[in-house]
C-alpha atoms as a PDB file:
ATOM      1  CA  MET A   1       1.502 -99.127 -65.457  1.00  0.00           C
ATOM      2  CA  LEU A   2       2.977-102.583 -65.597  1.00  0.00           C
ATOM      3  CA  ASN A   3       2.417-102.804 -69.335  1.00  0.00           C
ATOM      4  CA  HIS A   4       5.663-101.912 -71.108  1.00  0.00           C
ATOM      5  CA  GLU A   5       4.319-102.503 -74.598  1.00  0.00           C
ATOM      6  CA  VAL A   6       4.080 -99.482 -76.842  1.00  0.00           C
ATOM      7  CA  PRO A   7       0.481 -99.153 -77.994  1.00  0.00           C
ATOM      8  CA  ASP A   8      -0.080 -99.206 -81.713  1.00  0.00           C
ATOM      9  CA  PRO A   9      -0.861 -95.808 -83.202  1.00  0.00           C
ATOM     10  CA  PRO A  10      -4.557 -95.398 -83.945  1.00  0.00           C
ATOM     11  CA  PRO A  11      -5.528 -95.997 -87.559  1.00  0.00           C
ATOM     12  CA  PRO A  12      -5.881 -92.863 -89.656  1.00  0.00           C
ATOM     13  CA  GLY A  13      -9.389 -91.570 -89.562  1.00  0.00           C
ATOM     14  CA  PRO A  14     -11.416 -88.430 -90.235  1.00  0.00           C
ATOM     15  CA  LEU A  15     -10.311 -86.965 -86.895  1.00  0.00           C
ATOM     16  CA  ASP A  16      -6.650 -86.896 -87.890  1.00  0.00           C
ATOM     17  CA  PRO A  17      -5.511 -83.483 -89.107  1.00  0.00           C
ATOM     18  CA  VAL A  18      -5.131 -83.578 -92.855  1.00  0.00           C
ATOM     19  CA  HIS A  19      -2.715 -81.132 -94.414  1.00  0.00           C
ATOM     20  CA  PRO A  20      -4.732 -79.285 -97.057  1.00  0.00           C
ATOM     21  CA  GLU A  21      -3.070 -78.338-100.296  1.00  0.00           C
ATOM     22  CA  PRO A  22      -1.451 -74.907-100.050  1.00  0.00           C
ATOM     23  CA  LYS A  23      -3.787 -72.260-101.366  1.00  0.00           C
ATOM     24  CA  PRO A  24      -2.431 -69.295-103.315  1.00  0.00           C
ATOM     25  CA  PRO A  25      -2.647 -65.991-101.457  1.00  0.00           C
ATOM     26  CA  PRO A  26      -5.920 -64.192-102.118  1.00  0.00           C
ATOM     27  CA  VAL A  27      -5.660 -61.590-104.841  1.00  0.00           C
ATOM     28  CA  PRO A  28      -6.868 -58.207-103.600  1.00  0.00           C
ATOM     29  CA  ALA A  29      -9.799 -56.856-105.555  1.00  0.00           C
ATOM     30  CA  PRO A  30      -8.879 -53.956-107.829  1.00  0.00           C
ATOM     31  CA  ASP A  31      -9.915 -50.548-106.590  1.00  0.00           C
ATOM     32  CA  PRO A  32     -13.235 -49.518-108.134  1.00  0.00           C
ATOM     33  CA  GLU A  33     -11.982 -45.941-108.509  1.00  0.00           C
ATOM     34  CA  PRO A  34      -8.571 -45.189-110.004  1.00  0.00           C
ATOM     35  CA  ALA A  35      -6.324 -42.834-108.101  1.00  0.00           C
ATOM     36  CA  PRO A  36      -7.190 -39.227-108.961  1.00  0.00           C
ATOM     37  CA  ARG A  37      -4.694 -37.662-111.296  1.00  0.00           C
ATOM     38  CA  PRO A  38      -3.296 -34.255-110.450  1.00  0.00           C
ATOM     39  CA  GLY A  39      -5.526 -31.621-111.961  1.00  0.00           C
ATOM     40  CA  PRO A  40      -5.545 -27.837-112.001  1.00  0.00           C
ATOM     41  CA  ASP A  41      -6.810 -27.823-108.415  1.00  0.00           C
ATOM     42  CA  ARG A  42      -3.999 -30.117-107.231  1.00  0.00           C
ATOM     43  CA  GLY A  43      -1.060 -28.137-108.562  1.00  0.00           C
ATOM     44  CA  PRO A  44       1.105 -28.731-111.618  1.00  0.00           C
ATOM     45  CA  ASP A  45       1.807 -32.276-112.690  1.00  0.00           C
ATOM     46  CA  ARG A  46       5.244 -33.634-111.974  1.00  0.00           C
ATOM     47  CA  GLY A  47       7.500 -33.112-114.963  1.00  0.00           C
ATOM     48  CA  SER A  48       5.769 -29.987-116.271  1.00  0.00           C
ATOM     49  CA  ARG A  49       7.321 -27.603-113.758  1.00  0.00           C
ATOM     50  CA  ALA A  50       9.864 -26.266-116.213  1.00  0.00           C
ATOM     51  CA  ALA A  51       8.432 -23.566-118.454  1.00  0.00           C
ATOM     52  CA  GLY A  52       7.896 -24.833-121.970  1.00  0.00           C
ATOM     53  CA  SER A  53       8.366 -28.471-121.000  1.00  0.00           C
ATOM     54  CA  PRO A  54       5.753 -30.862-122.393  1.00  0.00           C
ATOM     55  CA  GLY A  55       6.148 -33.070-119.341  1.00  0.00           C
ATOM     56  CA  GLY A  56       9.238 -35.041-120.225  1.00  0.00           C
ATOM     57  CA  ALA A  57      11.639 -33.321-117.807  1.00  0.00           C
ATOM     58  CA  ARG A  58      11.905 -35.835-114.997  1.00  0.00           C
ATOM     59  CA  HIS A  59      15.273 -35.187-113.386  1.00  0.00           C
ATOM     60  CA  GLY A  60      15.207 -31.419-113.117  1.00  0.00           C
ATOM     61  CA  ARG A  61      18.325 -30.821-115.178  1.00  0.00           C
ATOM     62  CA  PRO A  62      18.512 -29.739-118.820  1.00  0.00           C
ATOM     63  CA  ALA A  63      19.242 -32.425-121.367  1.00  0.00           C
END
């Protein structure tokens, strides 16, 4: 190791890591089946618990 010269960097070639362009995150595929809506076998729908309410009561207190 008597050579004190700094070796030249190797020329860029196909072996050098190339930074690929950033890819957008993959979009998850939509579910083939929509989520099941509450039916008569799943209990009353949220919002229709109050008697006579068409389903608009969301906060549980009278307007």
